[in-house]
Amino acid sequence: MELHMSKLSTRQRTLASELNFGGYGVHSGQPVTLTIAPAPPNSGFLICRDLGSGHTTLPVQVHFSRITRTTLCTTLDLGDSVSVATIEHVTSALSGMGVDNALITLDGAECPILDGSAQPFASAILEAGLEIQPASRRFIKIMRAVTVRNNDAFAALEPYNGRALDLEIDFDSKVIGRQRMIFDWSPRRYYEDVSRARTFGFARDAKILRQAGYALGSSLDNSITVHEDRILNPGGLRYEDEFVRHKLLDAIGDLSLGGMPIYGRFRSYKGGHALNAHVLSGLFSSDANYEIVTAEDLPLNFDALDDLPEGLSAQPYLRSVV
């Protein structure tokens, strides 16, 4: 049985059933419904917009080459003047929970913010379960370090025997200050230590952001709000260092736009969506920076099926996905 499970852990995974969500965009304030469906092997994350009246855009890969804006969220161009914003929490949950292939469909221009974290998406994946597919998992193996900088801020991808993130933030705020988190990825650790971390902002910025057309749907129900030296949310924080954990959550979502899971280490200081996008561009700017490898080529201790969150089932492939 041990050998059988070891072989299964090298296989790609999709969702065992379709997931449905309803809410509104944190920036647009507009209502939106979102569906995440199973997808065939080697699809990666696909996305399309339901434009109504029976019209849906053709699915395209969720990929960094489609990023058009990184102000406060990651926005993708789907073609034909159709875009989708705030994709990173959805892709973070999919990537963090070990999903390789999925089709995302939404009927608005921004993904629903829900509670401001990736937990609603991750919990739905947990409940639905995974389906193991008859194709080997593929990874982007970092072969040569790539670093991008903006003043003292930086993001880097480096060779490393595993999948790790080392992320540090530094805010001029007594509530946040300097926080660092080193995270060795597994679906269980992602679910327990990262998925519940919410997005955050400062009360002093609210008026300026709304005048600029951002944060129109932001509230204490979906964002940690910092005012001077206190947190306005009645329930306080979910983790003592929730701020750096959310930045890590965002980074996992943004890095999934490389098209496959990354085998290596990501490091960041004062980073964000823009630097996350730039480091992917830098990585793919030279073939010498990376190799595409299969799971059979890698040690399995970082990605074994026995490190799934409690209650997440992973079933062998039973059906074809159309």
C-alpha atoms as a PDB file:
ATOM      1  CA  MET A   1       0.000   0.000   0.000  1.00  0.00           C
ATOM      2  CA  GLU A   2       2.893   2.329   0.799  1.00  0.00           C
ATOM      3  CA  LEU A   3       4.337   1.903  -2.709  1.00  0.00           C
ATOM      4  CA  HIS A   4       0.888   2.470  -4.228  1.00  0.00           C
ATOM      5  CA  MET A   5       0.394   5.742  -2.337  1.00  0.00           C
ATOM      6  CA  SER A   6       3.918   6.841  -3.225  1.00  0.00           C
ATOM      7  CA  LYS A   7       3.130   6.377  -6.902  1.00  0.00           C
ATOM      8  CA  LEU A   8      -0.163   8.240  -6.512  1.00  0.00           C
ATOM      9  CA  SER A   9       1.600  11.198  -4.941  1.00  0.00           C
ATOM     10  CA  THR A  10       3.479  11.801  -8.203  1.00  0.00           C
ATOM     11  CA  ARG A  11       0.204  12.195 -10.127  1.00  0.00           C
ATOM     12  CA  GLN A  12      -1.653  15.366 -11.040  1.00  0.00           C
ATOM     13  CA  ARG A  13      -4.807  16.270  -9.129  1.00  0.00           C
ATOM     14  CA  THR A  14      -8.054  18.002  -9.925  1.00  0.00           C
ATOM     15  CA  LEU A  15     -11.211  18.562  -7.897  1.00  0.00           C
ATOM     16  CA  ALA A  16     -13.535  15.640  -7.241  1.00  0.00           C
ATOM     17  CA  SER A  17     -16.573  17.895  -7.848  1.00  0.00           C
ATOM     18  CA  GLU A  18     -17.559  21.428  -8.815  1.00  0.00           C
ATOM     19  CA  LEU A  19     -17.380  24.261  -6.254  1.00  0.00           C
ATOM     20  CA  ASN A  20     -19.663  27.314  -6.235  1.00  0.00           C
ATOM     21  CA  PHE A  21     -19.248  30.679  -4.485  1.00  0.00           C
ATOM     22  CA  GLY A  22     -21.186  33.928  -4.349  1.00  0.00           C
ATOM     23  CA  GLY A  23     -20.118  37.297  -2.978  1.00  0.00           C
ATOM     24  CA  TYR A  24     -18.828  40.639  -4.134  1.00  0.00           C
ATOM     25  CA  GLY A  25     -15.532  42.184  -5.185  1.00  0.00           C
ATOM     26  CA  VAL A  26     -13.502  43.938  -2.511  1.00  0.00           C
ATOM     27  CA  HIS A  27     -12.523  46.719  -4.919  1.00  0.00           C
ATOM     28  CA  SER A  28     -15.531  46.934  -7.252  1.00  0.00           C
ATOM     29  CA  GLY A  29     -18.173  46.272  -4.595  1.00  0.00           C
ATOM     30  CA  GLN A  30     -20.093  44.420  -7.335  1.00  0.00           C
ATOM     31  CA  PRO A  31     -21.862  41.062  -6.812  1.00  0.00           C
ATOM     32  CA  VAL A  32     -20.272  38.048  -8.490  1.00  0.00           C
ATOM     33  CA  THR A  33     -20.643  34.282  -8.614  1.00  0.00           C
ATOM     34  CA  LEU A  34     -17.655  32.009  -9.162  1.00  0.00           C
ATOM     35  CA  THR A  35     -17.386  28.320 -10.046  1.00  0.00           C
ATOM     36  CA  ILE A  36     -14.308  26.110  -9.826  1.00  0.00           C
ATOM     37  CA  ALA A  37     -14.684  22.891 -11.827  1.00  0.00           C
ATOM     38  CA  PRO A  38     -12.492  19.847 -12.502  1.00  0.00           C
ATOM     39  CA  ALA A  39     -10.207  20.114 -15.540  1.00  0.00           C
ATOM     40  CA  PRO A  40      -8.273  17.561 -17.634  1.00  0.00           C
ATOM     41  CA  PRO A  41      -4.632  16.630 -16.953  1.00  0.00           C
ATOM     42  CA  ASN A  42      -1.992  19.182 -18.038  1.00  0.00           C
ATOM     43  CA  SER A  43      -4.571  22.010 -18.141  1.00  0.00           C
ATOM     44  CA  GLY A  44      -3.195  23.988 -15.228  1.00  0.00           C
ATOM     45  CA  PHE A  45      -5.551  26.682 -13.956  1.00  0.00           C
ATOM     46  CA  LEU A  46      -7.932  27.893 -16.660  1.00  0.00           C
ATOM     47  CA  ILE A  47     -10.252  30.896 -16.402  1.00  0.00           C
ATOM     48  CA  CYS A  48     -13.199  32.264 -18.359  1.00  0.00           C
ATOM     49  CA  ARG A  49     -15.865  34.943 -17.921  1.00  0.00           C
ATOM     50  CA  ASP A  50     -19.587  34.268 -18.205  1.00  0.00           C
ATOM     51  CA  LEU A  51     -20.785  37.385 -20.038  1.00  0.00           C
ATOM     52  CA  GLY A  52     -24.483  36.505 -19.784  1.00  0.00           C
ATOM     53  CA  SER A  53     -27.027  35.674 -22.482  1.00  0.00           C
ATOM     54  CA  GLY A  54     -25.305  32.334 -23.021  1.00  0.00           C
ATOM     55  CA  HIS A  55     -21.953  33.909 -23.923  1.00  0.00           C
ATOM     56  CA  THR A  56     -18.779  32.733 -22.176  1.00  0.00           C
ATOM     57  CA  THR A  57     -15.232  33.670 -23.131  1.00  0.00           C
ATOM     58  CA  LEU A  58     -12.932  30.869 -24.229  1.00  0.00           C
ATOM     59  CA  PRO A  59     -10.936  29.489 -21.283  1.00  0.00           C
ATOM     60  CA  VAL A  60      -7.366  30.777 -21.120  1.00  0.00           C
ATOM     61  CA  GLN A  61      -4.540  29.781 -18.794  1.00  0.00           C
ATOM     62  CA  VAL A  62      -4.127  31.774 -15.601  1.00  0.00           C
ATOM     63  CA  HIS A  63      -0.632  32.995 -16.478  1.00  0.00           C
ATOM     64  CA  PHE A  64       1.663  35.866 -15.523  1.00  0.00           C
ATOM     65  CA  SER A  65       1.923  36.927 -19.173  1.00  0.00           C
ATOM     66  CA  ARG A  66      -1.736  38.023 -18.909  1.00  0.00           C
ATOM     67  CA  ILE A  67      -1.185  40.320 -15.916  1.00  0.00           C
ATOM     68  CA  THR A  68      -2.208  43.892 -16.723  1.00  0.00           C
ATOM     69  CA  ARG A  69      -2.263  45.480 -13.265  1.00  0.00           C
ATOM     70  CA  THR A  70      -0.782  44.707  -9.859  1.00  0.00           C
ATOM     71  CA  THR A  71      -2.191  47.647  -7.866  1.00  0.00           C
ATOM     72  CA  LEU A  72      -3.580  46.135  -4.627  1.00  0.00           C
ATOM     73  CA  CYS A  73      -4.446  42.881  -6.443  1.00  0.00           C
ATOM     74  CA  THR A  74      -3.524  40.840  -9.514  1.00  0.00           C
ATOM     75  CA  THR A  75      -5.589  41.575 -12.637  1.00  0.00           C
ATOM     76  CA  LEU A  76      -5.557  39.385 -15.762  1.00  0.00           C
ATOM     77  CA  ASP A  77      -6.485  40.178 -19.366  1.00  0.00           C
ATOM     78  CA  LEU A  78      -8.578  37.333 -20.816  1.00  0.00           C
ATOM     79  CA  GLY A  79      -8.641  38.875 -24.299  1.00  0.00           C
ATOM     80  CA  ASP A  80     -11.313  40.857 -26.178  1.00  0.00           C
ATOM     81  CA  SER A  81     -11.235  43.638 -23.541  1.00  0.00           C
ATOM     82  CA  VAL A  82     -12.358  41.225 -20.794  1.00  0.00           C
ATOM     83  CA  SER A  83     -10.432  41.177 -17.512  1.00  0.00           C
ATOM     84  CA  VAL A  84     -10.599  39.561 -14.074  1.00  0.00           C
ATOM     85  CA  ALA A  85      -9.209  41.130 -10.896  1.00  0.00           C
ATOM     86  CA  THR A  86      -8.236  39.777  -7.463  1.00  0.00           C
ATOM     87  CA  ILE A  87      -7.521  36.276  -8.756  1.00  0.00           C
ATOM     88  CA  GLU A  88      -4.754  35.588  -6.222  1.00  0.00           C
ATOM     89  CA  HIS A  89      -6.811  34.193  -3.304  1.00  0.00           C
ATOM     90  CA  VAL A  90      -8.488  31.638  -5.584  1.00  0.00           C
ATOM     91  CA  THR A  91      -5.228  30.486  -7.156  1.00  0.00           C
ATOM     92  CA  SER A  92      -3.547  30.490  -3.735  1.00  0.00           C
ATOM     93  CA  ALA A  93      -6.136  28.041  -2.378  1.00  0.00           C
ATOM     94  CA  LEU A  94      -5.874  25.793  -5.440  1.00  0.00           C
ATOM     95  CA  SER A  95      -2.083  25.789  -5.438  1.00  0.00           C
ATOM     96  CA  GLY A  96      -1.791  25.601  -1.660  1.00  0.00           C
ATOM     97  CA  MET A  97      -4.136  22.618  -1.423  1.00  0.00           C
ATOM     98  CA  GLY A  98      -2.248  20.745  -4.126  1.00  0.00           C
ATOM     99  CA  VAL A  99      -4.652  21.108  -7.057  1.00  0.00           C
ATOM    100  CA  ASP A 100      -2.936  21.016 -10.473  1.00  0.00           C
ATOM    101  CA  ASN A 101      -5.866  21.417 -12.870  1.00  0.00           C
ATOM    102  CA  ALA A 102      -9.061  23.472 -12.499  1.00  0.00           C
ATOM    103  CA  LEU A 103     -11.433  25.642 -14.536  1.00  0.00           C
ATOM    104  CA  ILE A 104     -12.478  28.947 -12.922  1.00  0.00           C
ATOM    105  CA  THR A 105     -15.610  30.629 -14.275  1.00  0.00           C
ATOM    106  CA  LEU A 106     -17.040  33.909 -12.967  1.00  0.00           C
ATOM    107  CA  ASP A 107     -19.766  36.278 -14.088  1.00  0.00           C
ATOM    108  CA  GLY A 108     -18.104  39.535 -13.015  1.00  0.00           C
ATOM    109  CA  ALA A 109     -14.863  41.459 -13.377  1.00  0.00           C
ATOM    110  CA  GLU A 110     -13.520  40.576  -9.933  1.00  0.00           C
ATOM    111  CA  CYS A 111     -13.357  37.385  -7.861  1.00  0.00           C
ATOM    112  CA  PRO A 112     -15.445  37.442  -4.677  1.00  0.00           C
ATOM    113  CA  ILE A 113     -13.466  38.510  -1.613  1.00  0.00           C
ATOM    114  CA  LEU A 114     -15.595  36.378   0.773  1.00  0.00           C
ATOM    115  CA  ASP A 115     -13.932  36.752   4.210  1.00  0.00           C
ATOM    116  CA  GLY A 116     -10.702  38.250   2.825  1.00  0.00           C
ATOM    117  CA  SER A 117      -8.696  35.039   3.116  1.00  0.00           C
ATOM    118  CA  ALA A 118      -8.353  31.838   1.081  1.00  0.00           C
ATOM    119  CA  GLN A 119     -10.079  29.705   3.707  1.00  0.00           C
ATOM    120  CA  PRO A 120     -13.565  29.584   2.097  1.00  0.00           C
ATOM    121  CA  PHE A 121     -11.965  28.280  -1.119  1.00  0.00           C
ATOM    122  CA  ALA A 122      -9.619  25.898   0.735  1.00  0.00           C
ATOM    123  CA  SER A 123     -12.442  24.555   2.926  1.00  0.00           C
ATOM    124  CA  ALA A 124     -14.594  23.898  -0.145  1.00  0.00           C
ATOM    125  CA  ILE A 125     -11.701  21.980  -1.721  1.00  0.00           C
ATOM    126  CA  LEU A 126     -11.330  20.029   1.524  1.00  0.00           C
ATOM    127  CA  GLU A 127     -15.011  19.118   1.484  1.00  0.00           C
ATOM    128  CA  ALA A 128     -15.096  18.172  -2.207  1.00  0.00           C
ATOM    129  CA  GLY A 129     -11.878  16.173  -2.147  1.00  0.00           C
ATOM    130  CA  LEU A 130      -9.266  15.681  -4.848  1.00  0.00           C
ATOM    131  CA  GLU A 131      -9.180  13.318  -7.773  1.00  0.00           C
ATOM    132  CA  ILE A 132      -5.800  11.883  -8.745  1.00  0.00           C
ATOM    133  CA  GLN A 133      -5.297  11.934 -12.516  1.00  0.00           C
ATOM    134  CA  PRO A 134      -3.358   9.597 -14.844  1.00  0.00           C
ATOM    135  CA  ALA A 135      -0.539  12.065 -15.594  1.00  0.00           C
ATOM    136  CA  SER A 136       2.668  12.913 -13.749  1.00  0.00           C
ATOM    137  CA  ARG A 137       2.848  16.190 -11.817  1.00  0.00           C
ATOM    138  CA  ARG A 138       5.118  18.698 -13.549  1.00  0.00           C
ATOM    139  CA  PHE A 139       7.206  21.320 -11.780  1.00  0.00           C
ATOM    140  CA  ILE A 140       9.248  24.371 -12.652  1.00  0.00           C
ATOM    141  CA  LYS A 141      12.606  23.526 -11.079  1.00  0.00           C
ATOM    142  CA  ILE A 142      14.679  26.618 -10.311  1.00  0.00           C
ATOM    143  CA  MET A 143      18.192  26.120 -11.708  1.00  0.00           C
ATOM    144  CA  ARG A 144      19.639  29.611 -11.300  1.00  0.00           C
ATOM    145  CA  ALA A 145      18.765  32.378  -8.823  1.00  0.00           C
ATOM    146  CA  VAL A 146      16.692  35.278 -10.134  1.00  0.00           C
ATOM    147  CA  THR A 147      16.219  38.480  -8.103  1.00  0.00           C
ATOM    148  CA  VAL A 148      14.198  41.603  -8.842  1.00  0.00           C
ATOM    149  CA  ARG A 149      14.400  44.794  -6.765  1.00  0.00           C
ATOM    150  CA  ASN A 150      12.563  48.026  -6.131  1.00  0.00           C
ATOM    151  CA  ASN A 151      14.663  50.234  -3.824  1.00  0.00           C
ATOM    152  CA  ASP A 152      15.148  48.084  -0.692  1.00  0.00           C
ATOM    153  CA  ALA A 153      12.310  45.701  -1.576  1.00  0.00           C
ATOM    154  CA  PHE A 154      13.090  42.496  -3.462  1.00  0.00           C
ATOM    155  CA  ALA A 155      11.728  39.134  -4.593  1.00  0.00           C
ATOM    156  CA  ALA A 156      13.884  36.138  -5.510  1.00  0.00           C
ATOM    157  CA  LEU A 157      13.519  32.586  -6.793  1.00  0.00           C
ATOM    158  CA  GLU A 158      16.418  30.284  -5.913  1.00  0.00           C
ATOM    159  CA  PRO A 159      17.453  26.638  -6.349  1.00  0.00           C
ATOM    160  CA  TYR A 160      16.338  24.623  -3.330  1.00  0.00           C
ATOM    161  CA  ASN A 161      15.660  20.939  -2.679  1.00  0.00           C
ATOM    162  CA  GLY A 162      11.976  21.386  -1.813  1.00  0.00           C
ATOM    163  CA  ARG A 163       9.241  23.997  -1.970  1.00  0.00           C
ATOM    164  CA  ALA A 164       9.764  26.859   0.458  1.00  0.00           C
ATOM    165  CA  LEU A 165       8.869  30.509   0.921  1.00  0.00           C
ATOM    166  CA  ASP A 166      10.781  32.946   3.122  1.00  0.00           C
ATOM    167  CA  LEU A 167       8.866  36.191   3.335  1.00  0.00           C
ATOM    168  CA  GLU A 168       9.434  39.332   5.403  1.00  0.00           C
ATOM    169  CA  ILE A 169       7.386  42.518   5.694  1.00  0.00           C
ATOM    170  CA  ASP A 170       8.243  45.807   7.392  1.00  0.00           C
ATOM    171  CA  PHE A 171       5.538  48.405   8.010  1.00  0.00           C
ATOM    172  CA  ASP A 172       5.810  51.728   9.811  1.00  0.00           C
ATOM    173  CA  SER A 173       3.049  50.626  12.165  1.00  0.00           C
ATOM    174  CA  LYS A 174       3.214  49.521  15.805  1.00  0.00           C
ATOM    175  CA  VAL A 175       0.496  46.958  15.081  1.00  0.00           C
ATOM    176  CA  ILE A 176       2.398  45.300  12.216  1.00  0.00           C
ATOM    177  CA  GLY A 177       6.075  46.273  12.343  1.00  0.00           C
ATOM    178  CA  ARG A 178       8.551  43.730  11.010  1.00  0.00           C
ATOM    179  CA  GLN A 179       7.321  40.155  10.570  1.00  0.00           C
ATOM    180  CA  ARG A 180       8.934  37.146   8.891  1.00  0.00           C
ATOM    181  CA  MET A 181       7.643  33.692   8.029  1.00  0.00           C
ATOM    182  CA  ILE A 182       9.546  30.712   6.610  1.00  0.00           C
ATOM    183  CA  PHE A 183       7.153  28.193   5.124  1.00  0.00           C
ATOM    184  CA  ASP A 184       7.904  24.696   3.787  1.00  0.00           C
ATOM    185  CA  TRP A 185       4.901  23.890   1.636  1.00  0.00           C
ATOM    186  CA  SER A 186       2.516  21.013   2.143  1.00  0.00           C
ATOM    187  CA  PRO A 187      -1.279  21.034   1.732  1.00  0.00           C
ATOM    188  CA  ARG A 188      -1.746  20.490   5.471  1.00  0.00           C
ATOM    189  CA  ARG A 189       0.570  23.328   6.465  1.00  0.00           C
ATOM    190  CA  TYR A 190      -1.067  25.610   3.926  1.00  0.00           C
ATOM    191  CA  TYR A 191      -4.555  24.856   5.231  1.00  0.00           C
ATOM    192  CA  GLU A 192      -3.617  25.219   8.902  1.00  0.00           C
ATOM    193  CA  ASP A 193      -1.011  27.991   8.836  1.00  0.00           C
ATOM    194  CA  VAL A 194      -1.791  30.200   5.829  1.00  0.00           C
ATOM    195  CA  SER A 195      -5.310  29.864   4.374  1.00  0.00           C
ATOM    196  CA  ARG A 196      -7.122  31.775   7.155  1.00  0.00           C
ATOM    197  CA  ALA A 197      -4.952  34.913   6.953  1.00  0.00           C
ATOM    198  CA  ARG A 198      -7.004  37.903   5.774  1.00  0.00           C
ATOM    199  CA  THR A 199      -6.123  40.867   3.607  1.00  0.00           C
ATOM    200  CA  PHE A 200      -5.454  44.097   5.482  1.00  0.00           C
ATOM    201  CA  GLY A 201      -5.359  47.849   5.104  1.00  0.00           C
ATOM    202  CA  PHE A 202      -5.091  51.134   6.964  1.00  0.00           C
ATOM    203  CA  ALA A 203      -8.071  53.281   7.920  1.00  0.00           C
ATOM    204  CA  ARG A 204      -6.082  56.384   6.919  1.00  0.00           C
ATOM    205  CA  ASP A 205      -5.953  55.141   3.306  1.00  0.00           C
ATOM    206  CA  ALA A 206      -9.650  54.263   2.948  1.00  0.00           C
ATOM    207  CA  LYS A 207     -10.869  57.597   1.594  1.00  0.00           C
ATOM    208  CA  ILE A 208      -8.052  57.923  -0.957  1.00  0.00           C
ATOM    209  CA  LEU A 209      -8.536  54.333  -2.142  1.00  0.00           C
ATOM    210  CA  ARG A 210     -12.290  54.751  -2.595  1.00  0.00           C
ATOM    211  CA  GLN A 211     -11.795  57.989  -4.517  1.00  0.00           C
ATOM    212  CA  ALA A 212      -9.449  56.046  -6.814  1.00  0.00           C
ATOM    213  CA  GLY A 213     -12.054  53.296  -7.308  1.00  0.00           C
ATOM    214  CA  TYR A 214     -10.512  50.723  -4.959  1.00  0.00           C
ATOM    215  CA  ALA A 215     -11.792  49.069  -1.756  1.00  0.00           C
ATOM    216  CA  LEU A 216     -15.422  49.925  -2.597  1.00  0.00           C
ATOM    217  CA  GLY A 217     -16.462  46.549  -1.168  1.00  0.00           C
ATOM    218  CA  SER A 218     -14.040  46.544   1.748  1.00  0.00           C
ATOM    219  CA  SER A 219     -15.398  46.119   5.273  1.00  0.00           C
ATOM    220  CA  LEU A 220     -14.448  44.676   8.644  1.00  0.00           C
ATOM    221  CA  ASP A 221     -16.087  41.435   7.424  1.00  0.00           C
ATOM    222  CA  ASN A 222     -13.422  40.910   4.761  1.00  0.00           C
ATOM    223  CA  SER A 223     -10.369  42.976   5.745  1.00  0.00           C
ATOM    224  CA  ILE A 224      -8.234  43.589   8.803  1.00  0.00           C
ATOM    225  CA  THR A 225      -8.360  47.341   9.335  1.00  0.00           C
ATOM    226  CA  VAL A 226      -5.533  49.045  11.210  1.00  0.00           C
ATOM    227  CA  HIS A 227      -6.179  52.466  12.745  1.00  0.00           C
ATOM    228  CA  GLU A 228      -3.152  54.108  14.348  1.00  0.00           C
ATOM    229  CA  ASP A 229      -1.994  51.583  16.971  1.00  0.00           C
ATOM    230  CA  ARG A 230      -5.013  49.298  17.104  1.00  0.00           C
ATOM    231  CA  ILE A 231      -7.012  46.799  15.046  1.00  0.00           C
ATOM    232  CA  LEU A 232     -10.629  47.788  14.449  1.00  0.00           C
ATOM    233  CA  ASN A 233     -11.966  44.272  13.812  1.00  0.00           C
ATOM    234  CA  PRO A 234     -14.022  43.137  16.840  1.00  0.00           C
ATOM    235  CA  GLY A 235     -12.572  39.608  16.775  1.00  0.00           C
ATOM    236  CA  GLY A 236      -8.943  40.728  16.519  1.00  0.00           C
ATOM    237  CA  LEU A 237      -6.427  38.610  14.616  1.00  0.00           C
ATOM    238  CA  ARG A 238      -6.667  34.952  13.575  1.00  0.00           C
ATOM    239  CA  TYR A 239      -2.889  34.516  13.862  1.00  0.00           C
ATOM    240  CA  GLU A 240      -0.527  36.688  15.899  1.00  0.00           C
ATOM    241  CA  ASP A 241       1.408  37.415  12.673  1.00  0.00           C
ATOM    242  CA  GLU A 242      -1.586  37.350  10.328  1.00  0.00           C
ATOM    243  CA  PHE A 243      -0.182  40.192   8.203  1.00  0.00           C
ATOM    244  CA  VAL A 244       2.914  38.345   6.973  1.00  0.00           C
ATOM    245  CA  ARG A 245       0.871  35.154   6.565  1.00  0.00           C
ATOM    246  CA  HIS A 246      -1.514  36.950   4.224  1.00  0.00           C
ATOM    247  CA  LYS A 247       1.402  38.280   2.184  1.00  0.00           C
ATOM    248  CA  LEU A 248       2.621  34.696   1.949  1.00  0.00           C
ATOM    249  CA  LEU A 249      -0.873  33.586   0.913  1.00  0.00           C
ATOM    250  CA  ASP A 250      -0.807  36.217  -1.861  1.00  0.00           C
ATOM    251  CA  ALA A 251       2.660  35.124  -2.980  1.00  0.00           C
ATOM    252  CA  ILE A 252       1.555  31.490  -3.311  1.00  0.00           C
ATOM    253  CA  GLY A 253      -1.359  32.657  -5.457  1.00  0.00           C
ATOM    254  CA  ASP A 254       0.779  34.956  -7.597  1.00  0.00           C
ATOM    255  CA  LEU A 255       3.560  32.400  -8.111  1.00  0.00           C
ATOM    256  CA  SER A 256       1.032  29.842  -9.364  1.00  0.00           C
ATOM    257  CA  LEU A 257       0.782  32.092 -12.437  1.00  0.00           C
ATOM    258  CA  GLY A 258       4.009  30.475 -13.589  1.00  0.00           C
ATOM    259  CA  GLY A 259       1.691  27.750 -14.902  1.00  0.00           C
ATOM    260  CA  MET A 260       3.023  24.883 -12.768  1.00  0.00           C
ATOM    261  CA  PRO A 261       4.106  24.423  -9.154  1.00  0.00           C
ATOM    262  CA  ILE A 262       7.586  25.806  -8.441  1.00  0.00           C
ATOM    263  CA  TYR A 263      10.260  23.508  -7.038  1.00  0.00           C
ATOM    264  CA  GLY A 264      12.676  25.849  -5.304  1.00  0.00           C
ATOM    265  CA  ARG A 265      12.692  28.674  -2.773  1.00  0.00           C
ATOM    266  CA  PHE A 266      10.979  32.050  -2.984  1.00  0.00           C
ATOM    267  CA  ARG A 267      12.358  34.889  -0.871  1.00  0.00           C
ATOM    268  CA  SER A 268      10.824  38.315  -0.488  1.00  0.00           C
ATOM    269  CA  TYR A 269      11.319  41.482   1.544  1.00  0.00           C
ATOM    270  CA  LYS A 270       8.671  44.229   1.414  1.00  0.00           C
ATOM    271  CA  GLY A 271       7.277  42.450  -1.628  1.00  0.00           C
ATOM    272  CA  GLY A 272       3.850  42.453  -3.235  1.00  0.00           C
ATOM    273  CA  HIS A 273       1.937  41.620  -6.400  1.00  0.00           C
ATOM    274  CA  ALA A 274       4.197  43.704  -8.678  1.00  0.00           C
ATOM    275  CA  LEU A 275       7.478  42.124  -7.539  1.00  0.00           C
ATOM    276  CA  ASN A 276       5.876  38.662  -7.580  1.00  0.00           C
ATOM    277  CA  ALA A 277       4.946  39.208 -11.242  1.00  0.00           C
ATOM    278  CA  HIS A 278       8.378  40.640 -12.102  1.00  0.00           C
ATOM    279  CA  VAL A 279      10.279  37.722 -10.580  1.00  0.00           C
ATOM    280  CA  LEU A 280       8.263  35.301 -12.739  1.00  0.00           C
ATOM    281  CA  SER A 281       9.079  37.399 -15.803  1.00  0.00           C
ATOM    282  CA  GLY A 282      12.740  37.304 -14.810  1.00  0.00           C
ATOM    283  CA  LEU A 283      12.640  33.551 -14.287  1.00  0.00           C
ATOM    284  CA  PHE A 284      11.251  32.870 -17.746  1.00  0.00           C
ATOM    285  CA  SER A 285      13.520  35.412 -19.460  1.00  0.00           C
ATOM    286  CA  SER A 286      16.222  32.734 -19.839  1.00  0.00           C
ATOM    287  CA  ASP A 287      15.952  28.987 -20.366  1.00  0.00           C
ATOM    288  CA  ALA A 288      19.026  28.592 -18.162  1.00  0.00           C
ATOM    289  CA  ASN A 289      17.012  29.719 -15.104  1.00  0.00           C
ATOM    290  CA  TYR A 290      14.704  26.711 -14.908  1.00  0.00           C
ATOM    291  CA  GLU A 291      13.816  23.217 -16.095  1.00  0.00           C
ATOM    292  CA  ILE A 292      10.421  21.551 -16.443  1.00  0.00           C
ATOM    293  CA  VAL A 293      10.613  18.257 -14.540  1.00  0.00           C
ATOM    294  CA  THR A 294       8.155  15.574 -13.466  1.00  0.00           C
ATOM    295  CA  ALA A 295       7.511  14.468  -9.901  1.00  0.00           C
ATOM    296  CA  GLU A 296       9.353  11.193 -10.557  1.00  0.00           C
ATOM    297  CA  ASP A 297      12.526  13.254 -10.992  1.00  0.00           C
ATOM    298  CA  LEU A 298      12.192  14.803  -7.527  1.00  0.00           C
ATOM    299  CA  PRO A 299      12.343  13.544  -3.937  1.00  0.00           C
ATOM    300  CA  LEU A 300       8.808  12.985  -2.683  1.00  0.00           C
ATOM    301  CA  ASN A 301       9.189  13.900   0.982  1.00  0.00           C
ATOM    302  CA  PHE A 302       8.042  17.492   0.323  1.00  0.00           C
ATOM    303  CA  ASP A 303       4.865  16.448  -1.452  1.00  0.00           C
ATOM    304  CA  ALA A 304       3.586  13.201  -0.002  1.00  0.00           C
ATOM    305  CA  LEU A 305      -0.133  12.457   0.182  1.00  0.00           C
ATOM    306  CA  ASP A 306       0.154  11.726   3.905  1.00  0.00           C
ATOM    307  CA  ASP A 307       0.591  15.455   4.592  1.00  0.00           C
ATOM    308  CA  LEU A 308      -2.917  16.414   3.504  1.00  0.00           C
ATOM    309  CA  PRO A 309      -5.235  18.312   5.863  1.00  0.00           C
ATOM    310  CA  GLU A 310      -7.367  16.045   8.011  1.00  0.00           C
ATOM    311  CA  GLY A 311     -10.542  15.164   6.118  1.00  0.00           C
ATOM    312  CA  LEU A 312      -9.214  15.829   2.603  1.00  0.00           C
ATOM    313  CA  SER A 313      -9.709  12.724   0.509  1.00  0.00           C
ATOM    314  CA  ALA A 314      -7.669  12.021  -2.616  1.00  0.00           C
ATOM    315  CA  GLN A 315      -9.297   9.406  -4.831  1.00  0.00           C
ATOM    316  CA  PRO A 316      -7.735   7.662  -7.830  1.00  0.00           C
ATOM    317  CA  TYR A 317      -8.946   8.842 -11.213  1.00  0.00           C
ATOM    318  CA  LEU A 318     -12.385   7.326 -11.900  1.00  0.00           C
ATOM    319  CA  ARG A 319     -13.800   9.288 -14.812  1.00  0.00           C
ATOM    320  CA  SER A 320     -12.877  11.455 -17.749  1.00  0.00           C
ATOM    321  CA  VAL A 321     -13.260  15.216 -17.436  1.00  0.00           C
ATOM    322  CA  VAL A 322     -14.836  16.857 -20.463  1.00  0.00           C
END
